[in-house]
PDB file of N, CA and C in Angstrom:
ATOM      1  N   MET A   1      -4.923 -16.807   0.406  1.00  0.00           N
ATOM      2  CA  MET A   1      -3.479 -15.929   0.078  1.00  0.00           C
ATOM      3  C   MET A   1      -3.322 -15.043   1.494  1.00  0.00           C
ATOM      4  N   THR A   2      -2.431 -15.097   2.617  1.00  0.00           N
ATOM      5  CA  THR A   2      -1.749 -14.381   3.544  1.00  0.00           C
ATOM      6  C   THR A   2      -0.742 -14.493   3.782  1.00  0.00           C
ATOM      7  N   ALA A   3       0.663 -14.502   2.765  1.00  0.00           N
ATOM      8  CA  ALA A   3       1.727 -13.981   3.542  1.00  0.00           C
ATOM      9  C   ALA A   3       1.966 -13.958   1.970  1.00  0.00           C
ATOM     10  N   ALA A   4       2.392 -12.743   1.241  1.00  0.00           N
ATOM     11  CA  ALA A   4       2.918 -13.180  -0.138  1.00  0.00           C
ATOM     12  C   ALA A   4       4.228 -11.243   0.051  1.00  0.00           C
ATOM     13  N   HIS A   5       4.355 -10.899  -1.477  1.00  0.00           N
ATOM     14  CA  HIS A   5       4.757  -9.642  -1.424  1.00  0.00           C
ATOM     15  C   HIS A   5       4.331  -9.546  -3.026  1.00  0.00           C
ATOM     16  N   PHE A   6       4.423  -8.227  -3.341  1.00  0.00           N
ATOM     17  CA  PHE A   6       3.840  -7.760  -4.743  1.00  0.00           C
ATOM     18  C   PHE A   6       4.882  -6.673  -5.221  1.00  0.00           C
ATOM     19  N   THR A   7       5.182  -6.238  -6.462  1.00  0.00           N
ATOM     20  CA  THR A   7       5.346  -5.446  -7.288  1.00  0.00           C
ATOM     21  C   THR A   7       4.548  -5.129  -8.152  1.00  0.00           C
ATOM     22  N   ALA A   8       4.584  -3.513  -8.561  1.00  0.00           N
ATOM     23  CA  ALA A   8       3.665  -3.249  -9.687  1.00  0.00           C
ATOM     24  C   ALA A   8       4.429  -2.037 -10.766  1.00  0.00           C
ATOM     25  N   ILE A   9       3.884  -2.042 -12.007  1.00  0.00           N
ATOM     26  CA  ILE A   9       3.790  -0.898 -12.778  1.00  0.00           C
ATOM     27  C   ILE A   9       2.574  -0.918 -13.399  1.00  0.00           C
ATOM     28  N   GLY A  10       3.120   0.232 -14.060  1.00  0.00           N
ATOM     29  CA  GLY A  10       1.648   0.913 -14.787  1.00  0.00           C
ATOM     30  C   GLY A  10       1.200   2.363 -14.651  1.00  0.00           C
ATOM     31  N   ALA A  11      -0.279   2.376 -14.936  1.00  0.00           N
ATOM     32  CA  ALA A  11      -1.074   3.697 -14.784  1.00  0.00           C
ATOM     33  C   ALA A  11      -1.950   4.136 -14.049  1.00  0.00           C
ATOM     34  N   LEU A  12      -2.823   5.136 -13.513  1.00  0.00           N
ATOM     35  CA  LEU A  12      -3.587   5.493 -12.720  1.00  0.00           C
ATOM     36  C   LEU A  12      -3.854   6.717 -12.612  1.00  0.00           C
ATOM     37  N   SER A  13      -5.625   7.108 -12.485  1.00  0.00           N
ATOM     38  CA  SER A  13      -6.059   8.283 -12.141  1.00  0.00           C
ATOM     39  C   SER A  13      -6.767   8.105 -10.501  1.00  0.00           C
ATOM     40  N   ASP A  14      -7.130   9.222 -10.386  1.00  0.00           N
ATOM     41  CA  ASP A  14      -8.094   9.387  -9.234  1.00  0.00           C
ATOM     42  C   ASP A  14      -7.155   8.893  -8.240  1.00  0.00           C
ATOM     43  N   VAL A  15      -6.482   9.229  -7.637  1.00  0.00           N
ATOM     44  CA  VAL A  15      -5.431   8.415  -6.521  1.00  0.00           C
ATOM     45  C   VAL A  15      -5.488   8.884  -5.439  1.00  0.00           C
ATOM     46  N   THR A  16      -5.706   8.181  -4.171  1.00  0.00           N
ATOM     47  CA  THR A  16      -5.432   9.017  -2.779  1.00  0.00           C
ATOM     48  C   THR A  16      -4.345   8.029  -2.070  1.00  0.00           C
ATOM     49  N   LEU A  17      -3.634   9.452  -2.206  1.00  0.00           N
ATOM     50  CA  LEU A  17      -2.272   8.896  -0.995  1.00  0.00           C
ATOM     51  C   LEU A  17      -2.563   9.059   0.539  1.00  0.00           C
ATOM     52  N   MET A  18      -2.182   8.126   0.603  1.00  0.00           N
ATOM     53  CA  MET A  18      -2.276   7.918   2.336  1.00  0.00           C
ATOM     54  C   MET A  18      -0.860   8.293   3.121  1.00  0.00           C
ATOM     55  N   TYR A  19      -1.380   9.889   4.168  1.00  0.00           N
ATOM     56  CA  TYR A  19       0.179   9.590   4.789  1.00  0.00           C
ATOM     57  C   TYR A  19      -0.168   9.627   6.421  1.00  0.00           C
ATOM     58  N   PHE A  20       0.504   8.628   7.156  1.00  0.00           N
ATOM     59  CA  PHE A  20       0.620   8.391   8.443  1.00  0.00           C
ATOM     60  C   PHE A  20       0.784   9.462   9.376  1.00  0.00           C
ATOM     61  N   ASP A  21      -0.129  10.149  10.242  1.00  0.00           N
ATOM     62  CA  ASP A  21       0.805  11.575  10.801  1.00  0.00           C
ATOM     63  C   ASP A  21       0.929  10.657  11.597  1.00  0.00           C
ATOM     64  N   TRP A  22       1.951  10.772  12.936  1.00  0.00           N
ATOM     65  CA  TRP A  22       2.168  10.104  13.863  1.00  0.00           C
ATOM     66  C   TRP A  22       1.711  10.737  14.969  1.00  0.00           C
ATOM     67  N   GLN A  23       2.167  11.556  15.351  1.00  0.00           N
ATOM     68  CA  GLN A  23       1.178  13.205  16.492  1.00  0.00           C
ATOM     69  C   GLN A  23      -0.052  12.513  16.185  1.00  0.00           C
ATOM     70  N   LYS A  24      -1.026  12.361  15.169  1.00  0.00           N
ATOM     71  CA  LYS A  24      -2.774  11.865  15.494  1.00  0.00           C
ATOM     72  C   LYS A  24      -3.214  10.589  15.447  1.00  0.00           C
ATOM     73  N   LYS A  25      -1.855  10.102  14.584  1.00  0.00           N
ATOM     74  CA  LYS A  25      -2.085   8.436  14.954  1.00  0.00           C
ATOM     75  C   LYS A  25      -2.838   7.526  14.018  1.00  0.00           C
ATOM     76  N   ASP A  26      -2.909   8.894  12.463  1.00  0.00           N
ATOM     77  CA  ASP A  26      -4.187   8.431  11.859  1.00  0.00           C
ATOM     78  C   ASP A  26      -3.452   8.769  10.404  1.00  0.00           C
ATOM     79  N   TYR A  27      -4.153   7.984   9.211  1.00  0.00           N
ATOM     80  CA  TYR A  27      -3.908   8.659   8.300  1.00  0.00           C
ATOM     81  C   TYR A  27      -4.657   9.481   7.639  1.00  0.00           C
ATOM     82  N   GLN A  28      -3.905  10.631   6.990  1.00  0.00           N
ATOM     83  CA  GLN A  28      -4.018  11.584   6.308  1.00  0.00           C
ATOM     84  C   GLN A  28      -4.635  12.060   4.499  1.00  0.00           C
ATOM     85  N   PRO A  29      -5.917  11.951   4.114  1.00  0.00           N
ATOM     86  CA  PRO A  29      -5.633  11.868   2.632  1.00  0.00           C
ATOM     87  C   PRO A  29      -4.915  12.376   1.648  1.00  0.00           C
ATOM     88  N   ILE A  30      -4.710  12.429   0.779  1.00  0.00           N
ATOM     89  CA  ILE A  30      -3.678  13.005  -0.005  1.00  0.00           C
ATOM     90  C   ILE A  30      -4.516  12.534  -1.488  1.00  0.00           C
ATOM     91  N   PRO A  31      -5.787  13.537  -1.882  1.00  0.00           N
ATOM     92  CA  PRO A  31      -6.355  13.131  -3.409  1.00  0.00           C
ATOM     93  C   PRO A  31      -5.465  13.754  -4.336  1.00  0.00           C
ATOM     94  N   VAL A  32      -4.922  12.809  -5.724  1.00  0.00           N
ATOM     95  CA  VAL A  32      -4.562  13.225  -6.507  1.00  0.00           C
ATOM     96  C   VAL A  32      -5.778  13.034  -7.760  1.00  0.00           C
ATOM     97  N   PRO A  33      -6.114  13.736  -8.246  1.00  0.00           N
ATOM     98  CA  PRO A  33      -7.187  13.840  -9.170  1.00  0.00           C
ATOM     99  C   PRO A  33      -6.578  13.359 -10.709  1.00  0.00           C
ATOM    100  N   ASP A  34      -5.404  13.229 -10.996  1.00  0.00           N
ATOM    101  CA  ASP A  34      -5.106  13.697 -12.414  1.00  0.00           C
ATOM    102  C   ASP A  34      -4.460  11.552 -12.996  1.00  0.00           C
ATOM    103  N   GLN A  35      -4.050  12.185 -13.828  1.00  0.00           N
ATOM    104  CA  GLN A  35      -3.628  10.334 -14.587  1.00  0.00           C
ATOM    105  C   GLN A  35      -1.978  10.285 -14.164  1.00  0.00           C
ATOM    106  N   VAL A  36      -1.975   9.476 -13.572  1.00  0.00           N
ATOM    107  CA  VAL A  36       0.382   8.936 -13.327  1.00  0.00           C
ATOM    108  C   VAL A  36       0.268   8.258 -13.296  1.00  0.00           C
ATOM    109  N   GLU A  37       1.839   7.867 -13.773  1.00  0.00           N
ATOM    110  CA  GLU A  37       2.513   7.217 -13.928  1.00  0.00           C
ATOM    111  C   GLU A  37       2.732   5.913 -13.255  1.00  0.00           C
ATOM    112  N   VAL A  38       2.688   5.020 -12.468  1.00  0.00           N
ATOM    113  CA  VAL A  38       3.230   4.545 -11.593  1.00  0.00           C
ATOM    114  C   VAL A  38       4.807   4.011 -11.450  1.00  0.00           C
ATOM    115  N   ALA A  39       5.905   4.577 -10.747  1.00  0.00           N
ATOM    116  CA  ALA A  39       7.043   4.627 -10.604  1.00  0.00           C
ATOM    117  C   ALA A  39       6.969   3.432  -9.735  1.00  0.00           C
ATOM    118  N   SER A  40       6.489   3.300  -8.610  1.00  0.00           N
ATOM    119  CA  SER A  40       6.925   1.924  -8.137  1.00  0.00           C
ATOM    120  C   SER A  40       5.747   1.573  -7.007  1.00  0.00           C
ATOM    121  N   MET A  41       5.458   0.615  -6.991  1.00  0.00           N
ATOM    122  CA  MET A  41       4.664   0.208  -6.039  1.00  0.00           C
ATOM    123  C   MET A  41       5.025  -1.417  -5.561  1.00  0.00           C
ATOM    124  N   ILE A  42       5.170  -0.985  -4.367  1.00  0.00           N
ATOM    125  CA  ILE A  42       5.577  -2.791  -3.251  1.00  0.00           C
ATOM    126  C   ILE A  42       4.748  -2.871  -2.093  1.00  0.00           C
ATOM    127  N   GLY A  43       4.385  -3.798  -2.251  1.00  0.00           N
ATOM    128  CA  GLY A  43       3.550  -3.732  -0.443  1.00  0.00           C
ATOM    129  C   GLY A  43       3.914  -5.779  -0.348  1.00  0.00           C
ATOM    130  N   ASP A  44       2.856  -6.028   0.918  1.00  0.00           N
ATOM    131  CA  ASP A  44       2.726  -7.082   1.200  1.00  0.00           C
ATOM    132  C   ASP A  44       1.545  -7.464   1.379  1.00  0.00           C
ATOM    133  N   VAL A  45       0.884  -9.102   1.705  1.00  0.00           N
ATOM    134  CA  VAL A  45      -0.388  -9.555   2.390  1.00  0.00           C
ATOM    135  C   VAL A  45       0.305 -10.336   3.170  1.00  0.00           C
ATOM    136  N   ALA A  46      -0.336  -9.941   4.251  1.00  0.00           N
ATOM    137  CA  ALA A  46      -0.626 -10.639   5.290  1.00  0.00           C
ATOM    138  C   ALA A  46      -1.844 -11.161   6.432  1.00  0.00           C
ATOM    139  N   GLU A  47      -1.439 -11.557   7.142  1.00  0.00           N
ATOM    140  CA  GLU A  47      -2.688 -11.565   7.897  1.00  0.00           C
ATOM    141  C   GLU A  47      -2.921 -10.682   9.777  1.00  0.00           C
ATOM    142  N   ALA A  48      -4.194 -10.680   8.909  1.00  0.00           N
ATOM    143  CA  ALA A  48      -5.180  -9.111   9.790  1.00  0.00           C
ATOM    144  C   ALA A  48      -5.100  -9.668  11.367  1.00  0.00           C
ATOM    145  N   PRO A  49      -5.218  -8.614  12.261  1.00  0.00           N
ATOM    146  CA  PRO A  49      -5.458  -9.319  13.526  1.00  0.00           C
ATOM    147  C   PRO A  49      -6.846 -10.334  13.718  1.00  0.00           C
ATOM    148  N   SER A  50      -7.449  -9.470  13.080  1.00  0.00           N
ATOM    149  CA  SER A  50      -9.260 -10.527  11.829  1.00  0.00           C
ATOM    150  C   SER A  50      -9.036 -11.815  11.892  1.00  0.00           C
ATOM    151  N   GLY A  51      -7.396 -12.082  11.338  1.00  0.00           N
ATOM    152  CA  GLY A  51      -7.828 -13.283  10.467  1.00  0.00           C
ATOM    153  C   GLY A  51      -8.182 -13.472   9.066  1.00  0.00           C
ATOM    154  N   LYS A  52      -8.626 -12.375   8.331  1.00  0.00           N
ATOM    155  CA  LYS A  52      -8.930 -12.036   7.035  1.00  0.00           C
ATOM    156  C   LYS A  52      -7.254 -11.267   6.605  1.00  0.00           C
ATOM    157  N   ALA A  53      -7.091 -11.342   4.715  1.00  0.00           N
ATOM    158  CA  ALA A  53      -5.814 -10.897   4.320  1.00  0.00           C
ATOM    159  C   ALA A  53      -6.147  -9.051   4.669  1.00  0.00           C
ATOM    160  N   ALA A  54      -4.825  -9.260   4.573  1.00  0.00           N
ATOM    161  CA  ALA A  54      -4.130  -7.309   4.909  1.00  0.00           C
ATOM    162  C   ALA A  54      -3.390  -7.046   3.719  1.00  0.00           C
ATOM    163  N   LEU A  55      -3.899  -6.131   3.081  1.00  0.00           N
ATOM    164  CA  LEU A  55      -2.670  -5.505   1.863  1.00  0.00           C
ATOM    165  C   LEU A  55      -2.108  -4.461   2.324  1.00  0.00           C
ATOM    166  N   HIS A  56      -0.982  -3.737   1.996  1.00  0.00           N
ATOM    167  CA  HIS A  56      -0.115  -2.972   2.768  1.00  0.00           C
ATOM    168  C   HIS A  56       0.461  -2.432   1.356  1.00  0.00           C
ATOM    169  N   ILE A  57       0.800  -1.003   1.107  1.00  0.00           N
ATOM    170  CA  ILE A  57       0.654  -0.956  -0.063  1.00  0.00           C
ATOM    171  C   ILE A  57       1.643   0.362  -0.327  1.00  0.00           C
ATOM    172  N   HIS A  58       2.581   0.378  -0.677  1.00  0.00           N
ATOM    173  CA  HIS A  58       3.376   2.036  -0.973  1.00  0.00           C
ATOM    174  C   HIS A  58       3.343   1.888  -1.917  1.00  0.00           C
ATOM    175  N   LEU A  59       3.719   3.377  -2.401  1.00  0.00           N
ATOM    176  CA  LEU A  59       3.012   4.219  -4.200  1.00  0.00           C
ATOM    177  C   LEU A  59       3.668   4.947  -4.140  1.00  0.00           C
ATOM    178  N   VAL A  60       4.437   5.212  -5.419  1.00  0.00           N
ATOM    179  CA  VAL A  60       5.459   6.324  -5.914  1.00  0.00           C
ATOM    180  C   VAL A  60       4.566   6.537  -7.007  1.00  0.00           C
ATOM    181  N   ILE A  61       3.714   7.479  -7.473  1.00  0.00           N
ATOM    182  CA  ILE A  61       3.342   7.941  -8.361  1.00  0.00           C
ATOM    183  C   ILE A  61       4.589   9.445  -9.500  1.00  0.00           C
ATOM    184  N   GLY A  62       3.887   9.458 -10.820  1.00  0.00           N
ATOM    185  CA  GLY A  62       4.347  10.217 -10.924  1.00  0.00           C
ATOM    186  C   GLY A  62       4.041  11.284 -12.000  1.00  0.00           C
ATOM    187  N   LYS A  63       3.423  12.539 -12.223  1.00  0.00           N
ATOM    188  CA  LYS A  63       2.329  12.988 -12.555  1.00  0.00           C
ATOM    189  C   LYS A  63       3.538  13.626 -13.837  1.00  0.00           C
ATOM    190  N   CYS A  64       2.376  14.741 -15.192  1.00  0.00           N
ATOM    191  CA  CYS A  64       2.568  14.791 -15.874  1.00  0.00           C
ATOM    192  C   CYS A  64       4.326  15.282 -16.387  1.00  0.00           C
ATOM    193  N   ASP A  65       4.449  16.271 -15.132  1.00  0.00           N
ATOM    194  CA  ASP A  65       5.375  17.656 -15.327  1.00  0.00           C
ATOM    195  C   ASP A  65       6.507  16.836 -15.089  1.00  0.00           C
ATOM    196  N   GLY A  66       6.663  15.411 -14.363  1.00  0.00           N
ATOM    197  CA  GLY A  66       7.751  14.692 -13.700  1.00  0.00           C
ATOM    198  C   GLY A  66       8.093  14.643 -12.639  1.00  0.00           C
ATOM    199  N   THR A  67       7.232  15.516 -11.932  1.00  0.00           N
ATOM    200  CA  THR A  67       7.433  15.469 -10.299  1.00  0.00           C
ATOM    201  C   THR A  67       6.826  14.149  -9.601  1.00  0.00           C
ATOM    202  N   ALA A  68       7.233  13.765  -8.505  1.00  0.00           N
ATOM    203  CA  ALA A  68       6.767  12.445  -8.157  1.00  0.00           C
ATOM    204  C   ALA A  68       5.770  12.535  -6.463  1.00  0.00           C
ATOM    205  N   MET A  69       5.681  11.911  -6.679  1.00  0.00           N
ATOM    206  CA  MET A  69       4.447  12.131  -5.254  1.00  0.00           C
ATOM    207  C   MET A  69       4.370  10.190  -4.027  1.00  0.00           C
ATOM    208  N   ALA A  70       4.324  10.497  -2.863  1.00  0.00           N
ATOM    209  CA  ALA A  70       4.254   8.707  -2.850  1.00  0.00           C
ATOM    210  C   ALA A  70       3.458   9.196  -1.498  1.00  0.00           C
ATOM    211  N   GLY A  71       3.278   7.700  -0.973  1.00  0.00           N
ATOM    212  CA  GLY A  71       2.058   7.556   0.488  1.00  0.00           C
ATOM    213  C   GLY A  71       1.838   5.948  -0.188  1.00  0.00           C
ATOM    214  N   HIS A  72       1.206   5.799   1.115  1.00  0.00           N
ATOM    215  CA  HIS A  72       0.109   4.640   1.345  1.00  0.00           C
ATOM    216  C   HIS A  72      -1.075   4.417   0.026  1.00  0.00           C
ATOM    217  N   LEU A  73      -1.034   3.374  -0.495  1.00  0.00           N
ATOM    218  CA  LEU A  73      -2.049   3.822  -1.376  1.00  0.00           C
ATOM    219  C   LEU A  73      -3.621   3.786  -0.739  1.00  0.00           C
ATOM    220  N   GLY A  74      -4.319   4.275  -0.634  1.00  0.00           N
ATOM    221  CA  GLY A  74      -5.731   4.516  -0.181  1.00  0.00           C
ATOM    222  C   GLY A  74      -6.891   4.021  -0.937  1.00  0.00           C
ATOM    223  N   LYS A  75      -6.727   4.856  -2.430  1.00  0.00           N
ATOM    224  CA  LYS A  75      -7.519   4.169  -3.640  1.00  0.00           C
ATOM    225  C   LYS A  75      -6.939   4.983  -4.792  1.00  0.00           C
ATOM    226  N   ALA A  76      -7.402   3.887  -5.564  1.00  0.00           N
ATOM    227  CA  ALA A  76      -7.487   4.627  -7.289  1.00  0.00           C
ATOM    228  C   ALA A  76      -7.953   3.505  -8.517  1.00  0.00           C
ATOM    229  N   LEU A  77      -7.934   4.700  -9.573  1.00  0.00           N
ATOM    230  CA  LEU A  77      -8.390   3.481 -10.706  1.00  0.00           C
ATOM    231  C   LEU A  77      -7.320   3.471 -11.773  1.00  0.00           C
ATOM    232  N   VAL A  78      -7.267   2.064 -12.119  1.00  0.00           N
ATOM    233  CA  VAL A  78      -6.105   1.245 -13.355  1.00  0.00           C
ATOM    234  C   VAL A  78      -6.556   2.013 -14.217  1.00  0.00           C
ATOM    235  N   ARG A  79      -5.638   2.774 -14.749  1.00  0.00           N
ATOM    236  CA  ARG A  79      -6.100   2.944 -16.451  1.00  0.00           C
ATOM    237  C   ARG A  79      -5.005   3.801 -16.913  1.00  0.00           C
ATOM    238  N   PRO A  80      -4.513   2.691 -18.114  1.00  0.00           N
ATOM    239  CA  PRO A  80      -5.123   2.097 -18.601  1.00  0.00           C
ATOM    240  C   PRO A  80      -4.752   0.334 -17.987  1.00  0.00           C
ATOM    241  N   THR A  81      -3.273   0.608 -17.252  1.00  0.00           N
ATOM    242  CA  THR A  81      -2.871  -1.249 -17.615  1.00  0.00           C
ATOM    243  C   THR A  81      -2.709  -0.557 -15.698  1.00  0.00           C
ATOM    244  N   LEU A  82      -2.472  -1.996 -14.972  1.00  0.00           N
ATOM    245  CA  LEU A  82      -1.711  -2.375 -13.845  1.00  0.00           C
ATOM    246  C   LEU A  82      -1.203  -3.596 -14.282  1.00  0.00           C
ATOM    247  N   GLU A  83       0.199  -3.643 -14.726  1.00  0.00           N
ATOM    248  CA  GLU A  83       0.998  -5.079 -14.147  1.00  0.00           C
ATOM    249  C   GLU A  83       1.671  -5.607 -12.882  1.00  0.00           C
ATOM    250  N   VAL A  84       1.383  -6.224 -12.018  1.00  0.00           N
ATOM    251  CA  VAL A  84       1.345  -6.936 -10.502  1.00  0.00           C
ATOM    252  C   VAL A  84       2.461  -7.764 -10.613  1.00  0.00           C
ATOM    253  N   ILE A  85       3.473  -8.488  -9.946  1.00  0.00           N
ATOM    254  CA  ILE A  85       3.628  -9.573  -9.584  1.00  0.00           C
ATOM    255  C   ILE A  85       3.919  -9.862  -8.460  1.00  0.00           C
ATOM    256  N   LEU A  86       3.180 -10.778  -8.203  1.00  0.00           N
ATOM    257  CA  LEU A  86       2.896 -11.510  -6.755  1.00  0.00           C
ATOM    258  C   LEU A  86       3.303 -12.682  -6.412  1.00  0.00           C
ATOM    259  N   THR A  87       4.260 -12.313  -5.222  1.00  0.00           N
ATOM    260  CA  THR A  87       4.869 -13.737  -4.862  1.00  0.00           C
ATOM    261  C   THR A  87       4.762 -14.494  -3.698  1.00  0.00           C
ATOM    262  N   GLU A  88       4.035 -15.749  -3.306  1.00  0.00           N
ATOM    263  CA  GLU A  88       3.236 -16.284  -2.521  1.00  0.00           C
ATOM    264  C   GLU A  88       5.386 -16.375  -1.285  1.00  0.00           C
ATOM    265  N   SER A  89       5.324 -16.110  -0.113  1.00  0.00           N
ATOM    266  CA  SER A  89       6.122 -16.202   0.806  1.00  0.00           C
ATOM    267  C   SER A  89       6.252 -18.102   1.928  1.00  0.00           C
ATOM    268  N   PRO A  90       6.830 -18.247   1.823  1.00  0.00           N
ATOM    269  CA  PRO A  90       7.031 -19.853   2.511  1.00  0.00           C
ATOM    270  C   PRO A  90       6.663 -19.402   4.288  1.00  0.00           C
ATOM    271  N   VAL A  91       7.097 -17.802   4.637  1.00  0.00           N
ATOM    272  CA  VAL A  91       6.635 -17.664   5.788  1.00  0.00           C
ATOM    273  C   VAL A  91       5.135 -17.666   6.139  1.00  0.00           C
ATOM    274  N   HIS A  92       4.355 -17.957   6.799  1.00  0.00           N
ATOM    275  CA  HIS A  92       2.793 -17.227   7.384  1.00  0.00           C
ATOM    276  C   HIS A  92       3.309 -15.827   8.086  1.00  0.00           C
ATOM    277  N   LEU A  93       2.824 -14.634   7.305  1.00  0.00           N
ATOM    278  CA  LEU A  93       2.833 -13.379   7.869  1.00  0.00           C
ATOM    279  C   LEU A  93       1.276 -12.966   8.675  1.00  0.00           C
ATOM    280  N   ARG A  94       1.765 -12.755   9.946  1.00  0.00           N
ATOM    281  CA  ARG A  94       0.343 -12.382  10.558  1.00  0.00           C
ATOM    282  C   ARG A  94       0.902 -11.054  11.082  1.00  0.00           C
ATOM    283  N   LYS A  95      -0.060  -9.839  11.288  1.00  0.00           N
ATOM    284  CA  LYS A  95      -0.319  -8.713  11.895  1.00  0.00           C
ATOM    285  C   LYS A  95      -0.791  -8.615  12.930  1.00  0.00           C
ATOM    286  N   LYS A  96      -0.415  -7.648  14.606  1.00  0.00           N
ATOM    287  CA  LYS A  96      -0.605  -7.736  15.702  1.00  0.00           C
ATOM    288  C   LYS A  96      -0.748  -6.418  15.869  1.00  0.00           C
ATOM    289  N   LYS A  97      -1.434  -5.844  16.593  1.00  0.00           N
ATOM    290  CA  LYS A  97      -1.735  -4.299  16.650  1.00  0.00           C
ATOM    291  C   LYS A  97      -0.218  -3.793  17.900  1.00  0.00           C
ATOM    292  N   ASP A  98      -0.004  -2.675  17.257  1.00  0.00           N
ATOM    293  CA  ASP A  98       1.206  -2.512  18.125  1.00  0.00           C
ATOM    294  C   ASP A  98       0.560  -0.867  18.725  1.00  0.00           C
ATOM    295  N   PRO A  99       1.114  -1.273  20.142  1.00  0.00           N
ATOM    296  CA  PRO A  99       0.481  -0.124  21.191  1.00  0.00           C
ATOM    297  C   PRO A  99       0.994   0.823  20.990  1.00  0.00           C
ATOM    298  N   GLN A 100       2.311   1.363  21.040  1.00  0.00           N
ATOM    299  CA  GLN A 100       2.552   2.296  20.367  1.00  0.00           C
ATOM    300  C   GLN A 100       1.629   3.230  19.161  1.00  0.00           C
ATOM    301  N   SER A 101       2.063   2.769  18.469  1.00  0.00           N
ATOM    302  CA  SER A 101       1.491   3.300  17.061  1.00  0.00           C
ATOM    303  C   SER A 101       0.111   3.540  16.666  1.00  0.00           C
ATOM    304  N   GLY A 102      -0.467   2.433  17.416  1.00  0.00           N
ATOM    305  CA  GLY A 102      -2.011   1.701  17.097  1.00  0.00           C
ATOM    306  C   GLY A 102      -2.116   0.943  15.917  1.00  0.00           C
ATOM    307  N   LEU A 103      -1.123   0.931  14.881  1.00  0.00           N
ATOM    308  CA  LEU A 103      -1.189   0.170  13.604  1.00  0.00           C
ATOM    309  C   LEU A 103      -1.020  -1.655  13.981  1.00  0.00           C
ATOM    310  N   ALA A 104      -1.497  -2.024  13.127  1.00  0.00           N
ATOM    311  CA  ALA A 104      -1.380  -3.296  13.496  1.00  0.00           C
ATOM    312  C   ALA A 104       0.172  -3.561  11.891  1.00  0.00           C
ATOM    313  N   LEU A 105       0.980  -4.418  12.760  1.00  0.00           N
ATOM    314  CA  LEU A 105       2.225  -4.549  11.972  1.00  0.00           C
ATOM    315  C   LEU A 105       2.719  -6.141  11.948  1.00  0.00           C
ATOM    316  N   ILE A 106       3.215  -6.267  11.345  1.00  0.00           N
ATOM    317  CA  ILE A 106       3.582  -7.748  10.968  1.00  0.00           C
ATOM    318  C   ILE A 106       4.837  -8.098  11.860  1.00  0.00           C
ATOM    319  N   HIS A 107       4.318  -9.394  12.472  1.00  0.00           N
ATOM    320  CA  HIS A 107       5.283 -10.217  13.835  1.00  0.00           C
ATOM    321  C   HIS A 107       4.612 -11.712  13.271  1.00  0.00           C
ATOM    322  N   PRO A 108       5.869 -12.765  12.322  1.00  0.00           N
ATOM    323  CA  PRO A 108       5.460 -13.265  12.024  1.00  0.00           C
ATOM    324  C   PRO A 108       6.032 -14.265  13.037  1.00  0.00           C
ATOM    325  N   GLN A 109       5.839 -13.966  14.355  1.00  0.00           N
ATOM    326  CA  GLN A 109       5.942 -15.357  15.554  1.00  0.00           C
ATOM    327  C   GLN A 109       4.706 -15.106  16.338  1.00  0.00           C
ATOM    328  N   ALA A 110       3.656 -14.120  16.091  1.00  0.00           N
ATOM    329  CA  ALA A 110       2.504 -13.584  16.307  1.00  0.00           C
ATOM    330  C   ALA A 110       1.470 -14.701  16.057  1.00  0.00           C
TER     331      ALA A 110
END
């Protein structure tokens, strides 16, 4: 599958959020070793420049004190469950490297 979007709710632990630093053109890790609720997880599946499927996931997590944190999902453990709804797209999504940011971004006509 190379063209889809998804949403998810549930809970995670040992999360690493990633923040894209525009000046460095690199992702900076934000470790969150706690048990957290998934307030919102959204993303897409597209074809990377290599031809393989690429995931792009944004995540908002809630901590036990009610504070929220957000960023790209680097890694996490599902604990105890994550309910994911995946919807295939009728358009073939392909990513192409953007010279300004250095990121692979979706270009449907690529």
